[in-house]
Amino acid sequence: INVLLLGDPSMAKSQFLKFSTRVAPVGVYTSGKGSSAAGLTASVVKDQRGEFYLEGGAMVLADGGVVAIDEFDKMRPADRVAIHEAMEQQTISIAKAGITTVLNSRS
């Protein structure tokens, strides 16, 4: 279920989001203003030995729980597009650095 919370400034929307992630068994809170597409979905990282591995972002870490993205309107358009698959299909497809997989993001 995707929920959009709208309201006037200073109506405790951010506090409500933070509270919902604290009381949920699995919850991740992030601000859209400072989040990148990789930080919200997943990224491929190279370790010291030169090998690549996947690092899950907020939507992957909150699989089966609640992910709260505050200030969604302040996100860069490219980062907003990156989370469409996660919101619609509840999965994140990765095809980078020879790694091809689908991660769950059922939040």
Protein backbone atom coordinates (compact mmCIF):
# COMPACT_ATOMS: atom_id res chain seq x y z
CA ILE A 1 0.00 0.00 0.00
CA ASN A 2 1.38 3.41 -0.97
CA VAL A 3 0.22 6.37 1.10
CA LEU A 4 0.77 10.06 0.33
CA LEU A 5 0.52 12.32 3.36
CA LEU A 6 -0.23 15.98 2.56
CA GLY A 7 -0.74 18.96 4.84
CA ASP A 8 0.24 22.47 5.76
CA PRO A 9 3.70 23.19 7.16
CA SER A 10 4.20 22.51 10.89
CA MET A 11 1.46 19.88 11.10
CA ALA A 12 3.81 17.11 12.39
CA LYS A 13 3.87 15.08 9.16
CA SER A 14 7.56 14.28 9.59
CA GLN A 15 7.06 13.31 13.23
CA PHE A 16 4.20 11.00 12.20
CA LEU A 17 6.44 9.31 9.61
CA LYS A 18 9.27 8.87 12.11
CA PHE A 19 6.86 7.45 14.69
CA SER A 20 5.40 4.97 12.18
CA THR A 21 8.86 3.59 11.36
CA ARG A 22 9.74 3.26 15.06
CA VAL A 23 6.62 1.28 15.99
CA ALA A 24 6.70 -0.98 12.92
CA PRO A 25 8.58 -4.29 13.32
CA VAL A 26 10.66 -3.33 10.25
CA GLY A 27 10.86 0.36 9.45
CA VAL A 28 13.19 2.70 7.58
CA TYR A 29 12.88 6.50 7.55
CA THR A 30 14.66 8.64 4.96
CA SER A 31 14.45 12.15 3.63
CA GLY A 32 13.81 12.47 -0.09
CA LYS A 33 15.91 15.61 -0.26
CA GLY A 34 19.13 13.82 0.65
CA SER A 35 18.42 10.42 -0.89
CA SER A 36 19.72 9.13 -4.19
CA ALA A 37 18.22 6.45 -6.42
CA ALA A 38 20.89 3.99 -5.27
CA GLY A 39 20.30 4.87 -1.62
CA LEU A 40 16.59 4.16 -1.99
CA THR A 41 16.83 1.01 -4.13
CA ALA A 42 20.19 -0.80 -4.34
CA SER A 43 23.71 -0.25 -5.56
CA VAL A 44 26.62 -2.35 -6.75
CA VAL A 45 29.79 -1.74 -4.72
CA LYS A 46 33.36 -2.81 -5.44
CA ASP A 47 35.27 -4.19 -2.44
CA GLN A 48 39.03 -4.06 -1.70
CA ARG A 49 39.68 -7.27 -3.63
CA GLY A 50 38.02 -5.86 -6.76
CA GLU A 51 34.90 -7.98 -6.45
CA PHE A 52 31.41 -6.53 -6.81
CA TYR A 53 28.54 -7.03 -4.39
CA LEU A 54 25.04 -5.67 -3.89
CA GLU A 55 24.19 -3.22 -1.14
CA GLY A 56 20.49 -2.78 -0.43
CA GLY A 57 18.94 0.66 -0.08
CA ALA A 58 16.08 1.85 2.11
CA MET A 59 13.32 0.11 0.13
CA VAL A 60 15.14 -3.23 0.15
CA LEU A 61 16.03 -2.99 3.84
CA ALA A 62 12.38 -2.26 4.68
CA ASP A 63 11.11 -5.34 2.81
CA GLY A 64 8.02 -6.58 4.61
CA GLY A 65 7.78 -3.43 6.70
CA VAL A 66 7.38 0.33 6.40
CA VAL A 67 9.55 2.69 4.39
CA ALA A 68 8.85 6.39 4.97
CA ILE A 69 10.22 8.91 2.47
CA ASP A 70 9.85 12.42 3.83
CA GLU A 71 9.96 15.48 1.55
CA PHE A 72 9.13 13.39 -1.52
CA ASP A 73 8.47 16.60 -3.49
CA LYS A 74 12.09 17.73 -3.01
CA MET A 75 13.56 14.59 -4.61
CA ARG A 76 15.35 14.91 -7.93
CA PRO A 77 13.13 13.68 -10.79
CA ALA A 78 15.66 10.98 -11.78
CA ASP A 79 15.64 9.58 -8.24
CA ARG A 80 11.84 9.64 -8.14
CA VAL A 81 11.69 7.63 -11.39
CA ALA A 82 14.03 5.00 -9.93
CA ILE A 83 11.52 3.96 -7.26
CA HIS A 84 8.55 3.47 -9.61
CA GLU A 85 9.23 -0.25 -10.05
CA ALA A 86 9.50 -0.70 -6.29
CA MET A 87 6.21 1.08 -5.70
CA GLU A 88 4.30 -0.66 -8.52
CA GLN A 89 5.80 -4.17 -8.73
CA GLN A 90 7.27 -4.45 -5.21
CA THR A 91 10.60 -5.52 -6.71
CA ILE A 92 13.85 -3.85 -7.73
CA SER A 93 15.67 -5.14 -10.80
CA ILE A 94 19.45 -4.81 -10.89
CA ALA A 95 21.67 -5.34 -13.94
CA LYS A 96 25.07 -3.79 -13.24
CA ALA A 97 28.71 -4.95 -13.17
CA GLY A 98 27.79 -8.48 -14.25
CA ILE A 99 25.18 -8.83 -11.49
CA THR A 100 21.63 -9.48 -12.63
CA THR A 101 18.98 -10.05 -9.99
CA VAL A 102 15.59 -9.01 -8.66
CA LEU A 103 15.28 -7.87 -5.04
CA ASN A 104 12.03 -7.73 -3.05
CA SER A 105 10.75 -4.41 -1.76
CA ARG A 106 7.36 -5.35 -0.33
CA SER A 107 6.96 -2.36 1.92
